[in-house]
Amino acid sequence: LGYCDDDGFYFVTGRLKELIIKGGENIAPREIDEALLQHPAVLEAAAVGIADPHYGQEIAACIVLKGGEACTEEALRAHCLLALGPYKTPKVLRFVADLPKGPSGKVQRLKLLELL
């Protein structure tokens, strides 16, 4: 999954199986991750799609805060609204101690569903 910019450069945005399809719109989880990582209290973040009766899928995200930092769901949601707009703002935000990772250190998004 990726895109080509105006200069002809290709960018990989994620894997097709990780794609979130909300109301027929394709959303790359990495776009959500990157917006969350811009918040000063966030150390790690990963988004996934969860089942939703209206949209088909809704956006959920697991967040690891930096040591000594505090943040509320409301503050993160407000941050996401500014960075992503209402349609891409995660419906579910879950604070966790660690994100599940494979041997290569990459986040295992499918295992995130167990944390939600």
PDB file of N, CA and C in Angstrom:
ATOM      1  N   LEU A   1       0.856  -1.165   0.000  1.00  0.00           N
ATOM      2  CA  LEU A   1       0.000   0.000   0.000  1.00  0.00           C
ATOM      3  C   LEU A   1       0.902   1.227   0.000  1.00  0.00           C
ATOM      4  N   GLY A   2       0.623   2.191  -0.863  1.00  0.00           N
ATOM      5  CA  GLY A   2       1.444   3.387  -0.924  1.00  0.00           C
ATOM      6  C   GLY A   2       0.881   4.412  -1.877  1.00  0.00           C
ATOM      7  N   TYR A   3       1.705   5.399  -2.197  1.00  0.00           N
ATOM      8  CA  TYR A   3       1.274   6.448  -3.117  1.00  0.00           C
ATOM      9  C   TYR A   3       2.492   7.028  -3.829  1.00  0.00           C
ATOM     10  N   CYS A   4       2.223   7.750  -4.901  1.00  0.00           N
ATOM     11  CA  CYS A   4       3.255   8.424  -5.681  1.00  0.00           C
ATOM     12  C   CYS A   4       3.007   9.929  -5.568  1.00  0.00           C
ATOM     13  N   ASP A   5       4.057  10.697  -5.238  1.00  0.00           N
ATOM     14  CA  ASP A   5       3.868  12.146  -5.120  1.00  0.00           C
ATOM     15  C   ASP A   5       4.010  12.826  -6.484  1.00  0.00           C
ATOM     16  N   ASP A   6       3.867  14.137  -6.506  1.00  0.00           N
ATOM     17  CA  ASP A   6       3.907  14.912  -7.750  1.00  0.00           C
ATOM     18  C   ASP A   6       5.262  14.839  -8.460  1.00  0.00           C
ATOM     19  N   ASP A   7       6.319  14.525  -7.700  1.00  0.00           N
ATOM     20  CA  ASP A   7       7.657  14.435  -8.285  1.00  0.00           C
ATOM     21  C   ASP A   7       8.000  13.023  -8.757  1.00  0.00           C
ATOM     22  N   GLY A   8       7.046  12.100  -8.625  1.00  0.00           N
ATOM     23  CA  GLY A   8       7.274  10.732  -9.075  1.00  0.00           C
ATOM     24  C   GLY A   8       7.916   9.818  -8.046  1.00  0.00           C
ATOM     25  N   PHE A   9       8.015  10.272  -6.790  1.00  0.00           N
ATOM     26  CA  PHE A   9       8.573   9.432  -5.736  1.00  0.00           C
ATOM     27  C   PHE A   9       7.470   8.572  -5.134  1.00  0.00           C
ATOM     28  N   TYR A  10       7.800   7.302  -4.870  1.00  0.00           N
ATOM     29  CA  TYR A  10       6.840   6.379  -4.275  1.00  0.00           C
ATOM     30  C   TYR A  10       7.096   6.264  -2.778  1.00  0.00           C
ATOM     31  N   PHE A  11       6.010   6.184  -2.018  1.00  0.00           N
ATOM     32  CA  PHE A  11       6.087   6.062  -0.572  1.00  0.00           C
ATOM     33  C   PHE A  11       5.232   4.887  -0.131  1.00  0.00           C
ATOM     34  N   VAL A  12       5.799   4.024   0.710  1.00  0.00           N
ATOM     35  CA  VAL A  12       5.059   2.895   1.261  1.00  0.00           C
ATOM     36  C   VAL A  12       4.403   3.374   2.547  1.00  0.00           C
ATOM     37  N   THR A  13       3.078   3.184   2.654  1.00  0.00           N
ATOM     38  CA  THR A  13       2.359   3.649   3.844  1.00  0.00           C
ATOM     39  C   THR A  13       1.882   2.514   4.732  1.00  0.00           C
ATOM     40  N   GLY A  14       2.012   1.285   4.295  1.00  0.00           N
ATOM     41  CA  GLY A  14       1.596   0.169   5.137  1.00  0.00           C
ATOM     42  C   GLY A  14       1.274  -1.057   4.315  1.00  0.00           C
ATOM     43  N   ARG A  15       0.823  -2.071   5.010  1.00  0.00           N
ATOM     44  CA  ARG A  15       0.445  -3.314   4.362  1.00  0.00           C
ATOM     45  C   ARG A  15      -1.051  -3.319   4.114  1.00  0.00           C
ATOM     46  N   LEU A  16      -1.448  -3.955   3.025  1.00  0.00           N
ATOM     47  CA  LEU A  16      -2.857  -3.976   2.659  1.00  0.00           C
ATOM     48  C   LEU A  16      -3.711  -4.613   3.740  1.00  0.00           C
ATOM     49  N   LYS A  17      -3.216  -5.686   4.381  1.00  0.00           N
ATOM     50  CA  LYS A  17      -4.014  -6.359   5.401  1.00  0.00           C
ATOM     51  C   LYS A  17      -4.175  -5.505   6.659  1.00  0.00           C
ATOM     52  N   GLU A  18      -3.348  -4.492   6.837  1.00  0.00           N
ATOM     53  CA  GLU A  18      -3.459  -3.598   7.987  1.00  0.00           C
ATOM     54  C   GLU A  18      -4.359  -2.399   7.705  1.00  0.00           C
ATOM     55  N   LEU A  19      -4.742  -2.235   6.468  1.00  0.00           N
ATOM     56  CA  LEU A  19      -5.550  -1.094   6.047  1.00  0.00           C
ATOM     57  C   LEU A  19      -6.865  -1.035   6.823  1.00  0.00           C
ATOM     58  N   ILE A  20      -7.249   0.153   7.248  1.00  0.00           N
ATOM     59  CA  ILE A  20      -8.538   0.367   7.911  1.00  0.00           C
ATOM     60  C   ILE A  20      -9.496   0.892   6.850  1.00  0.00           C
ATOM     61  N   ILE A  21     -10.629   0.226   6.706  1.00  0.00           N
ATOM     62  CA  ILE A  21     -11.634   0.658   5.728  1.00  0.00           C
ATOM     63  C   ILE A  21     -12.855   1.125   6.511  1.00  0.00           C
ATOM     64  N   LYS A  22     -12.984   2.431   6.623  1.00  0.00           N
ATOM     65  CA  LYS A  22     -14.059   3.042   7.405  1.00  0.00           C
ATOM     66  C   LYS A  22     -15.038   3.707   6.453  1.00  0.00           C
ATOM     67  N   GLY A  23     -16.246   3.185   6.396  1.00  0.00           N
ATOM     68  CA  GLY A  23     -17.270   3.768   5.532  1.00  0.00           C
ATOM     69  C   GLY A  23     -16.856   3.800   4.075  1.00  0.00           C
ATOM     70  N   GLY A  24     -16.056   2.825   3.645  1.00  0.00           N
ATOM     71  CA  GLY A  24     -15.607   2.766   2.261  1.00  0.00           C
ATOM     72  C   GLY A  24     -14.337   3.547   1.976  1.00  0.00           C
ATOM     73  N   GLU A  25     -13.845   4.305   2.952  1.00  0.00           N
ATOM     74  CA  GLU A  25     -12.606   5.077   2.762  1.00  0.00           C
ATOM     75  C   GLU A  25     -11.421   4.295   3.321  1.00  0.00           C
ATOM     76  N   ASN A  26     -10.352   4.214   2.553  1.00  0.00           N
ATOM     77  CA  ASN A  26      -9.134   3.530   2.992  1.00  0.00           C
ATOM     78  C   ASN A  26      -8.290   4.469   3.848  1.00  0.00           C
ATOM     79  N   ILE A  27      -7.937   3.995   5.039  1.00  0.00           N
ATOM     80  CA  ILE A  27      -7.131   4.786   5.966  1.00  0.00           C
ATOM     81  C   ILE A  27      -5.901   3.967   6.346  1.00  0.00           C
ATOM     82  N   ALA A  28      -4.722   4.533   6.124  1.00  0.00           N
ATOM     83  CA  ALA A  28      -3.472   3.866   6.499  1.00  0.00           C
ATOM     84  C   ALA A  28      -3.242   4.056   7.997  1.00  0.00           C
ATOM     85  N   PRO A  29      -3.081   2.967   8.749  1.00  0.00           N
ATOM     86  CA  PRO A  29      -2.855   3.096  10.191  1.00  0.00           C
ATOM     87  C   PRO A  29      -1.654   3.972  10.535  1.00  0.00           C
ATOM     88  N   ARG A  30      -0.640   3.958   9.693  1.00  0.00           N
ATOM     89  CA  ARG A  30       0.561   4.754   9.973  1.00  0.00           C
ATOM     90  C   ARG A  30       0.255   6.250  10.014  1.00  0.00           C
ATOM     91  N   GLU A  31      -0.730   6.700   9.266  1.00  0.00           N
ATOM     92  CA  GLU A  31      -1.121   8.116   9.315  1.00  0.00           C
ATOM     93  C   GLU A  31      -1.632   8.468  10.708  1.00  0.00           C
ATOM     94  N   ILE A  32      -2.409   7.565  11.296  1.00  0.00           N
ATOM     95  CA  ILE A  32      -2.933   7.779  12.646  1.00  0.00           C
ATOM     96  C   ILE A  32      -1.775   7.722  13.648  1.00  0.00           C
ATOM     97  N   ASP A  33      -0.909   6.706  13.486  1.00  0.00           N
ATOM     98  CA  ASP A  33       0.256   6.568  14.373  1.00  0.00           C
ATOM     99  C   ASP A  33       1.075   7.856  14.401  1.00  0.00           C
ATOM    100  N   GLU A  34       1.388   8.366  13.224  1.00  0.00           N
ATOM    101  CA  GLU A  34       2.242   9.550  13.120  1.00  0.00           C
ATOM    102  C   GLU A  34       1.607  10.772  13.774  1.00  0.00           C
ATOM    103  N   ALA A  35       0.303  10.921  13.650  1.00  0.00           N
ATOM    104  CA  ALA A  35      -0.378  12.045  14.301  1.00  0.00           C
ATOM    105  C   ALA A  35      -0.288  11.913  15.817  1.00  0.00           C
ATOM    106  N   LEU A  36      -0.497  10.702  16.333  1.00  0.00           N
ATOM    107  CA  LEU A  36      -0.409  10.486  17.777  1.00  0.00           C
ATOM    108  C   LEU A  36       1.015  10.716  18.281  1.00  0.00           C
ATOM    109  N   LEU A  37       2.001  10.295  17.505  1.00  0.00           N
ATOM    110  CA  LEU A  37       3.401  10.457  17.913  1.00  0.00           C
ATOM    111  C   LEU A  37       3.843  11.919  17.963  1.00  0.00           C
ATOM    112  N   GLN A  38       3.103  12.799  17.343  1.00  0.00           N
ATOM    113  CA  GLN A  38       3.419  14.229  17.405  1.00  0.00           C
ATOM    114  C   GLN A  38       3.048  14.842  18.751  1.00  0.00           C
ATOM    115  N   HIS A  39       2.226  14.132  19.541  1.00  0.00           N
ATOM    116  CA  HIS A  39       1.870  14.641  20.866  1.00  0.00           C
ATOM    117  C   HIS A  39       3.082  14.470  21.788  1.00  0.00           C
ATOM    118  N   PRO A  40       3.438  15.489  22.569  1.00  0.00           N
ATOM    119  CA  PRO A  40       4.657  15.432  23.379  1.00  0.00           C
ATOM    120  C   PRO A  40       4.668  14.350  24.458  1.00  0.00           C
ATOM    121  N   ALA A  41       3.515  13.840  24.882  1.00  0.00           N
ATOM    122  CA  ALA A  41       3.476  12.826  25.934  1.00  0.00           C
ATOM    123  C   ALA A  41       3.543  11.401  25.393  1.00  0.00           C
ATOM    124  N   VAL A  42       3.451  11.231  24.077  1.00  0.00           N
ATOM    125  CA  VAL A  42       3.353   9.892  23.481  1.00  0.00           C
ATOM    126  C   VAL A  42       4.730   9.366  23.077  1.00  0.00           C
ATOM    127  N   LEU A  43       5.061   8.175  23.572  1.00  0.00           N
ATOM    128  CA  LEU A  43       6.300   7.492  23.212  1.00  0.00           C
ATOM    129  C   LEU A  43       6.087   6.582  22.003  1.00  0.00           C
ATOM    130  N   GLU A  44       5.014   5.783  22.051  1.00  0.00           N
ATOM    131  CA  GLU A  44       4.685   4.861  20.962  1.00  0.00           C
ATOM    132  C   GLU A  44       3.181   4.869  20.744  1.00  0.00           C
ATOM    133  N   ALA A  45       2.773   4.592  19.517  1.00  0.00           N
ATOM    134  CA  ALA A  45       1.347   4.520  19.204  1.00  0.00           C
ATOM    135  C   ALA A  45       1.153   3.628  17.993  1.00  0.00           C
ATOM    136  N   ALA A  46       0.035   2.906  17.988  1.00  0.00           N
ATOM    137  CA  ALA A  46      -0.292   2.057  16.842  1.00  0.00           C
ATOM    138  C   ALA A  46      -1.810   1.972  16.719  1.00  0.00           C
ATOM    139  N   ALA A  47      -2.293   2.162  15.501  1.00  0.00           N
ATOM    140  CA  ALA A  47      -3.731   2.140  15.227  1.00  0.00           C
ATOM    141  C   ALA A  47      -4.116   0.867  14.482  1.00  0.00           C
ATOM    142  N   VAL A  48      -5.357   0.437  14.706  1.00  0.00           N
ATOM    143  CA  VAL A  48      -5.930  -0.720  14.016  1.00  0.00           C
ATOM    144  C   VAL A  48      -7.400  -0.443  13.743  1.00  0.00           C
ATOM    145  N   GLY A  49      -7.975  -1.252  12.883  1.00  0.00           N
ATOM    146  CA  GLY A  49      -9.405  -1.178  12.635  1.00  0.00           C
ATOM    147  C   GLY A  49     -10.138  -2.176  13.508  1.00  0.00           C
ATOM    148  N   ILE A  50     -11.254  -1.737  14.078  1.00  0.00           N
ATOM    149  CA  ILE A  50     -12.112  -2.631  14.861  1.00  0.00           C
ATOM    150  C   ILE A  50     -13.495  -2.626  14.218  1.00  0.00           C
ATOM    151  N   ALA A  51     -14.235  -3.692  14.449  1.00  0.00           N
ATOM    152  CA  ALA A  51     -15.560  -3.826  13.845  1.00  0.00           C
ATOM    153  C   ALA A  51     -16.491  -2.712  14.316  1.00  0.00           C
ATOM    154  N   ASP A  52     -17.270  -2.194  13.381  1.00  0.00           N
ATOM    155  CA  ASP A  52     -18.252  -1.152  13.683  1.00  0.00           C
ATOM    156  C   ASP A  52     -19.504  -1.428  12.854  1.00  0.00           C
ATOM    157  N   PRO A  53     -20.686  -1.449  13.502  1.00  0.00           N
ATOM    158  CA  PRO A  53     -21.909  -1.782  12.756  1.00  0.00           C
ATOM    159  C   PRO A  53     -22.302  -0.741  11.710  1.00  0.00           C
ATOM    160  N   HIS A  54     -21.901   0.498  11.895  1.00  0.00           N
ATOM    161  CA  HIS A  54     -22.295   1.559  10.960  1.00  0.00           C
ATOM    162  C   HIS A  54     -21.279   1.725   9.824  1.00  0.00           C
ATOM    163  N   TYR A  55     -19.989   1.828  10.173  1.00  0.00           N
ATOM    164  CA  TYR A  55     -18.942   2.120   9.190  1.00  0.00           C
ATOM    165  C   TYR A  55     -18.237   0.876   8.635  1.00  0.00           C
ATOM    166  N   GLY A  56     -18.481  -0.287   9.220  1.00  0.00           N
ATOM    167  CA  GLY A  56     -17.739  -1.485   8.838  1.00  0.00           C
ATOM    168  C   GLY A  56     -16.517  -1.646   9.724  1.00  0.00           C
ATOM    169  N   GLN A  57     -15.704  -0.604   9.782  1.00  0.00           N
ATOM    170  CA  GLN A  57     -14.579  -0.551  10.714  1.00  0.00           C
ATOM    171  C   GLN A  57     -14.494   0.848  11.311  1.00  0.00           C
ATOM    172  N   GLU A  58     -14.006   0.891  12.529  1.00  0.00           N
ATOM    173  CA  GLU A  58     -13.744   2.148  13.219  1.00  0.00           C
ATOM    174  C   GLU A  58     -12.278   2.109  13.627  1.00  0.00           C
ATOM    175  N   ILE A  59     -11.724   3.253  13.959  1.00  0.00           N
ATOM    176  CA  ILE A  59     -10.305   3.355  14.297  1.00  0.00           C
ATOM    177  C   ILE A  59     -10.117   3.260  15.807  1.00  0.00           C
ATOM    178  N   ALA A  60      -9.170   2.406  16.201  1.00  0.00           N
ATOM    179  CA  ALA A  60      -8.763   2.295  17.599  1.00  0.00           C
ATOM    180  C   ALA A  60      -7.247   2.433  17.641  1.00  0.00           C
ATOM    181  N   ALA A  61      -6.731   2.936  18.754  1.00  0.00           N
ATOM    182  CA  ALA A  61      -5.281   3.101  18.885  1.00  0.00           C
ATOM    183  C   ALA A  61      -4.835   2.744  20.291  1.00  0.00           C
ATOM    184  N   CYS A  62      -3.677   2.093  20.369  1.00  0.00           N
ATOM    185  CA  CYS A  62      -3.023   1.812  21.641  1.00  0.00           C
ATOM    186  C   CYS A  62      -1.852   2.780  21.765  1.00  0.00           C
ATOM    187  N   ILE A  63      -1.709   3.337  22.960  1.00  0.00           N
ATOM    188  CA  ILE A  63      -0.721   4.389  23.178  1.00  0.00           C
ATOM    189  C   ILE A  63       0.147   4.054  24.382  1.00  0.00           C
ATOM    190  N   VAL A  64       1.455   4.221  24.232  1.00  0.00           N
ATOM    191  CA  VAL A  64       2.404   4.118  25.337  1.00  0.00           C
ATOM    192  C   VAL A  64       2.895   5.535  25.613  1.00  0.00           C
ATOM    193  N   LEU A  65       2.722   5.974  26.852  1.00  0.00           N
ATOM    194  CA  LEU A  65       3.175   7.318  27.221  1.00  0.00           C
ATOM    195  C   LEU A  65       4.647   7.304  27.616  1.00  0.00           C
ATOM    196  N   LYS A  66       5.297   8.432  27.444  1.00  0.00           N
ATOM    197  CA  LYS A  66       6.684   8.592  27.889  1.00  0.00           C
ATOM    198  C   LYS A  66       6.718   8.504  29.408  1.00  0.00           C
ATOM    199  N   GLY A  67       7.817   8.003  29.944  1.00  0.00           N
ATOM    200  CA  GLY A  67       7.973   7.901  31.388  1.00  0.00           C
ATOM    201  C   GLY A  67       7.794   9.248  32.067  1.00  0.00           C
ATOM    202  N   GLY A  68       6.982   9.280  33.101  1.00  0.00           N
ATOM    203  CA  GLY A  68       6.749  10.512  33.834  1.00  0.00           C
ATOM    204  C   GLY A  68       5.732  11.446  33.213  1.00  0.00           C
ATOM    205  N   GLU A  69       5.232  11.106  32.042  1.00  0.00           N
ATOM    206  CA  GLU A  69       4.240  11.952  31.362  1.00  0.00           C
ATOM    207  C   GLU A  69       2.827  11.486  31.702  1.00  0.00           C
ATOM    208  N   ALA A  70       1.925  12.431  31.743  1.00  0.00           N
ATOM    209  CA  ALA A  70       0.512  12.126  31.950  1.00  0.00           C
ATOM    210  C   ALA A  70      -0.280  12.742  30.807  1.00  0.00           C
ATOM    211  N   CYS A  71      -1.325  12.061  30.425  1.00  0.00           N
ATOM    212  CA  CYS A  71      -2.172  12.558  29.343  1.00  0.00           C
ATOM    213  C   CYS A  71      -3.534  11.896  29.471  1.00  0.00           C
ATOM    214  N   THR A  72      -4.562  12.596  29.069  1.00  0.00           N
ATOM    215  CA  THR A  72      -5.909  12.040  29.121  1.00  0.00           C
ATOM    216  C   THR A  72      -6.385  11.679  27.716  1.00  0.00           C
ATOM    217  N   GLU A  73      -7.408  10.823  27.673  1.00  0.00           N
ATOM    218  CA  GLU A  73      -8.023  10.498  26.382  1.00  0.00           C
ATOM    219  C   GLU A  73      -8.544  11.756  25.709  1.00  0.00           C
ATOM    220  N   GLU A  74      -9.118  12.642  26.492  1.00  0.00           N
ATOM    221  CA  GLU A  74      -9.687  13.872  25.938  1.00  0.00           C
ATOM    222  C   GLU A  74      -8.610  14.736  25.281  1.00  0.00           C
ATOM    223  N   ALA A  75      -7.449  14.837  25.927  1.00  0.00           N
ATOM    224  CA  ALA A  75      -6.356  15.636  25.363  1.00  0.00           C
ATOM    225  C   ALA A  75      -5.843  15.024  24.061  1.00  0.00           C
ATOM    226  N   LEU A  76      -5.706  13.695  24.031  1.00  0.00           N
ATOM    227  CA  LEU A  76      -5.252  13.032  22.804  1.00  0.00           C
ATOM    228  C   LEU A  76      -6.293  13.141  21.701  1.00  0.00           C
ATOM    229  N   ARG A  77      -7.548  13.015  22.071  1.00  0.00           N
ATOM    230  CA  ARG A  77      -8.616  13.132  21.071  1.00  0.00           C
ATOM    231  C   ARG A  77      -8.624  14.542  20.470  1.00  0.00           C
ATOM    232  N   ALA A  78      -8.454  15.567  21.306  1.00  0.00           N
ATOM    233  CA  ALA A  78      -8.403  16.950  20.809  1.00  0.00           C
ATOM    234  C   ALA A  78      -7.201  17.136  19.879  1.00  0.00           C
ATOM    235  N   HIS A  79      -6.077  16.546  20.235  1.00  0.00           N
ATOM    236  CA  HIS A  79      -4.877  16.604  19.392  1.00  0.00           C
ATOM    237  C   HIS A  79      -5.154  15.954  18.035  1.00  0.00           C
ATOM    238  N   CYS A  80      -5.790  14.789  18.049  1.00  0.00           N
ATOM    239  CA  CYS A  80      -6.099  14.074  16.801  1.00  0.00           C
ATOM    240  C   CYS A  80      -7.108  14.836  15.948  1.00  0.00           C
ATOM    241  N   LEU A  81      -8.075  15.461  16.578  1.00  0.00           N
ATOM    242  CA  LEU A  81      -9.058  16.246  15.816  1.00  0.00           C
ATOM    243  C   LEU A  81      -8.371  17.344  15.015  1.00  0.00           C
ATOM    244  N   LEU A  82      -7.383  18.000  15.634  1.00  0.00           N
ATOM    245  CA  LEU A  82      -6.645  19.056  14.928  1.00  0.00           C
ATOM    246  C   LEU A  82      -5.746  18.488  13.829  1.00  0.00           C
ATOM    247  N   ALA A  83      -5.101  17.364  14.113  1.00  0.00           N
ATOM    248  CA  ALA A  83      -4.138  16.797  13.165  1.00  0.00           C
ATOM    249  C   ALA A  83      -4.788  15.994  12.043  1.00  0.00           C
ATOM    250  N   LEU A  84      -5.903  15.323  12.353  1.00  0.00           N
ATOM    251  CA  LEU A  84      -6.494  14.374  11.404  1.00  0.00           C
ATOM    252  C   LEU A  84      -7.902  14.722  10.938  1.00  0.00           C
ATOM    253  N   GLY A  85      -8.602  15.539  11.723  1.00  0.00           N
ATOM    254  CA  GLY A  85     -10.011  15.790  11.434  1.00  0.00           C
ATOM    255  C   GLY A  85     -10.876  14.739  12.112  1.00  0.00           C
ATOM    256  N   PRO A  86     -12.173  14.977  12.178  1.00  0.00           N
ATOM    257  CA  PRO A  86     -13.056  14.078  12.931  1.00  0.00           C
ATOM    258  C   PRO A  86     -13.168  12.668  12.358  1.00  0.00           C
ATOM    259  N   TYR A  87     -13.103  12.519  11.048  1.00  0.00           N
ATOM    260  CA  TYR A  87     -13.316  11.208  10.435  1.00  0.00           C
ATOM    261  C   TYR A  87     -12.183  10.228  10.738  1.00  0.00           C
ATOM    262  N   LYS A  88     -10.961  10.737  10.868  1.00  0.00           N
ATOM    263  CA  LYS A  88      -9.806   9.870  11.115  1.00  0.00           C
ATOM    264  C   LYS A  88      -9.369   9.836  12.580  1.00  0.00           C
ATOM    265  N   THR A  89     -10.049  10.577  13.438  1.00  0.00           N
ATOM    266  CA  THR A  89      -9.720  10.550  14.858  1.00  0.00           C
ATOM    267  C   THR A  89     -10.172   9.221  15.450  1.00  0.00           C
ATOM    268  N   PRO A  90      -9.283   8.521  16.174  1.00  0.00           N
ATOM    269  CA  PRO A  90      -9.665   7.230  16.746  1.00  0.00           C
ATOM    270  C   PRO A  90     -10.870   7.335  17.672  1.00  0.00           C
ATOM    271  N   LYS A  91     -11.769   6.372  17.524  1.00  0.00           N
ATOM    272  CA  LYS A  91     -12.940   6.294  18.397  1.00  0.00           C
ATOM    273  C   LYS A  91     -12.534   5.725  19.753  1.00  0.00           C
ATOM    274  N   VAL A  92     -11.587   4.783  19.722  1.00  0.00           N
ATOM    275  CA  VAL A  92     -11.116   4.128  20.941  1.00  0.00           C
ATOM    276  C   VAL A  92      -9.637   4.449  21.130  1.00  0.00           C
ATOM    277  N   LEU A  93      -9.298   4.941  22.310  1.00  0.00           N
ATOM    278  CA  LEU A  93      -7.905   5.192  22.690  1.00  0.00           C
ATOM    279  C   LEU A  93      -7.627   4.381  23.947  1.00  0.00           C
ATOM    280  N   ARG A  94      -6.595   3.543  23.906  1.00  0.00           N
ATOM    281  CA  ARG A  94      -6.277   2.695  25.054  1.00  0.00           C
ATOM    282  C   ARG A  94      -4.815   2.903  25.433  1.00  0.00           C
ATOM    283  N   PHE A  95      -4.595   3.277  26.692  1.00  0.00           N
ATOM    284  CA  PHE A  95      -3.233   3.427  27.195  1.00  0.00           C
ATOM    285  C   PHE A  95      -2.718   2.054  27.624  1.00  0.00           C
ATOM    286  N   VAL A  96      -1.525   1.695  27.162  1.00  0.00           N
ATOM    287  CA  VAL A  96      -0.933   0.395  27.480  1.00  0.00           C
ATOM    288  C   VAL A  96       0.515   0.599  27.919  1.00  0.00           C
ATOM    289  N   ALA A  97       1.059  -0.421  28.607  1.00  0.00           N
ATOM    290  CA  ALA A  97       2.447  -0.342  29.068  1.00  0.00           C
ATOM    291  C   ALA A  97       3.428  -0.580  27.927  1.00  0.00           C
ATOM    292  N   ASP A  98       3.082  -1.490  27.014  1.00  0.00           N
ATOM    293  CA  ASP A  98       3.945  -1.837  25.884  1.00  0.00           C
ATOM    294  C   ASP A  98       3.093  -2.224  24.690  1.00  0.00           C
ATOM    295  N   LEU A  99       3.637  -2.037  23.498  1.00  0.00           N
ATOM    296  CA  LEU A  99       2.996  -2.512  22.276  1.00  0.00           C
ATOM    297  C   LEU A  99       3.591  -3.873  21.925  1.00  0.00           C
ATOM    298  N   PRO A 100       2.763  -4.823  21.471  1.00  0.00           N
ATOM    299  CA  PRO A 100       3.306  -6.128  21.079  1.00  0.00           C
ATOM    300  C   PRO A 100       4.177  -5.998  19.835  1.00  0.00           C
ATOM    301  N   LYS A 101       5.372  -6.579  19.918  1.00  0.00           N
ATOM    302  CA  LYS A 101       6.320  -6.478  18.802  1.00  0.00           C
ATOM    303  C   LYS A 101       6.859  -7.853  18.450  1.00  0.00           C
ATOM    304  N   GLY A 102       7.191  -8.012  17.179  1.00  0.00           N
ATOM    305  CA  GLY A 102       7.795  -9.246  16.691  1.00  0.00           C
ATOM    306  C   GLY A 102       9.299  -9.221  16.891  1.00  0.00           C
ATOM    307  N   PRO A 103       9.979 -10.282  16.454  1.00  0.00           N
ATOM    308  CA  PRO A 103      11.437 -10.374  16.610  1.00  0.00           C
ATOM    309  C   PRO A 103      12.202  -9.225  15.947  1.00  0.00           C
ATOM    310  N   SER A 104      11.639  -8.652  14.887  1.00  0.00           N
ATOM    311  CA  SER A 104      12.313  -7.550  14.194  1.00  0.00           C
ATOM    312  C   SER A 104      12.077  -6.203  14.873  1.00  0.00           C
ATOM    313  N   GLY A 105      11.201  -6.185  15.887  1.00  0.00           N
ATOM    314  CA  GLY A 105      10.904  -4.942  16.590  1.00  0.00           C
ATOM    315  C   GLY A 105       9.711  -4.190  16.038  1.00  0.00           C
ATOM    316  N   LYS A 106       9.091  -4.714  14.982  1.00  0.00           N
ATOM    317  CA  LYS A 106       7.916  -4.057  14.403  1.00  0.00           C
ATOM    318  C   LYS A 106       6.676  -4.377  15.233  1.00  0.00           C
ATOM    319  N   VAL A 107       5.785  -3.406  15.319  1.00  0.00           N
ATOM    320  CA  VAL A 107       4.534  -3.594  16.051  1.00  0.00           C
ATOM    321  C   VAL A 107       3.682  -4.635  15.333  1.00  0.00           C
ATOM    322  N   GLN A 108       3.145  -5.573  16.104  1.00  0.00           N
ATOM    323  CA  GLN A 108       2.243  -6.593  15.571  1.00  0.00           C
ATOM    324  C   GLN A 108       0.813  -6.090  15.753  1.00  0.00           C
ATOM    325  N   ARG A 109       0.310  -5.448  14.725  1.00  0.00           N
ATOM    326  CA  ARG A 109      -0.994  -4.790  14.810  1.00  0.00           C
ATOM    327  C   ARG A 109      -2.136  -5.755  15.117  1.00  0.00           C
ATOM    328  N   LEU A 110      -2.068  -6.962  14.572  1.00  0.00           N
ATOM    329  CA  LEU A 110      -3.156  -7.906  14.824  1.00  0.00           C
ATOM    330  C   LEU A 110      -3.240  -8.282  16.303  1.00  0.00           C
ATOM    331  N   LYS A 111      -2.116  -8.282  17.005  1.00  0.00           N
ATOM    332  CA  LYS A 111      -2.124  -8.575  18.441  1.00  0.00           C
ATOM    333  C   LYS A 111      -2.657  -7.401  19.257  1.00  0.00           C
ATOM    334  N   LEU A 112      -2.677  -6.215  18.668  1.00  0.00           N
ATOM    335  CA  LEU A 112      -3.242  -5.058  19.372  1.00  0.00           C
ATOM    336  C   LEU A 112      -4.713  -5.279  19.687  1.00  0.00           C
ATOM    337  N   LEU A 113      -5.395  -6.010  18.825  1.00  0.00           N
ATOM    338  CA  LEU A 113      -6.825  -6.257  19.030  1.00  0.00           C
ATOM    339  C   LEU A 113      -7.082  -6.933  20.368  1.00  0.00           C
ATOM    340  N   GLU A 114      -6.140  -7.748  20.831  1.00  0.00           N
ATOM    341  CA  GLU A 114      -6.279  -8.412  22.130  1.00  0.00           C
ATOM    342  C   GLU A 114      -6.219  -7.406  23.283  1.00  0.00           C
ATOM    343  N   LEU A 115      -5.579  -6.270  23.070  1.00  0.00           N
ATOM    344  CA  LEU A 115      -5.458  -5.242  24.114  1.00  0.00           C
ATOM    345  C   LEU A 115      -6.674  -4.325  24.169  1.00  0.00           C
ATOM    346  N   LEU A 116      -7.485  -4.383  23.127  1.00  0.00           N
ATOM    347  CA  LEU A 116      -8.656  -3.508  23.061  1.00  0.00           C
ATOM    348  C   LEU A 116      -9.829  -4.262  23.582  1.00  0.00           C
TER     349      LEU A 116
END
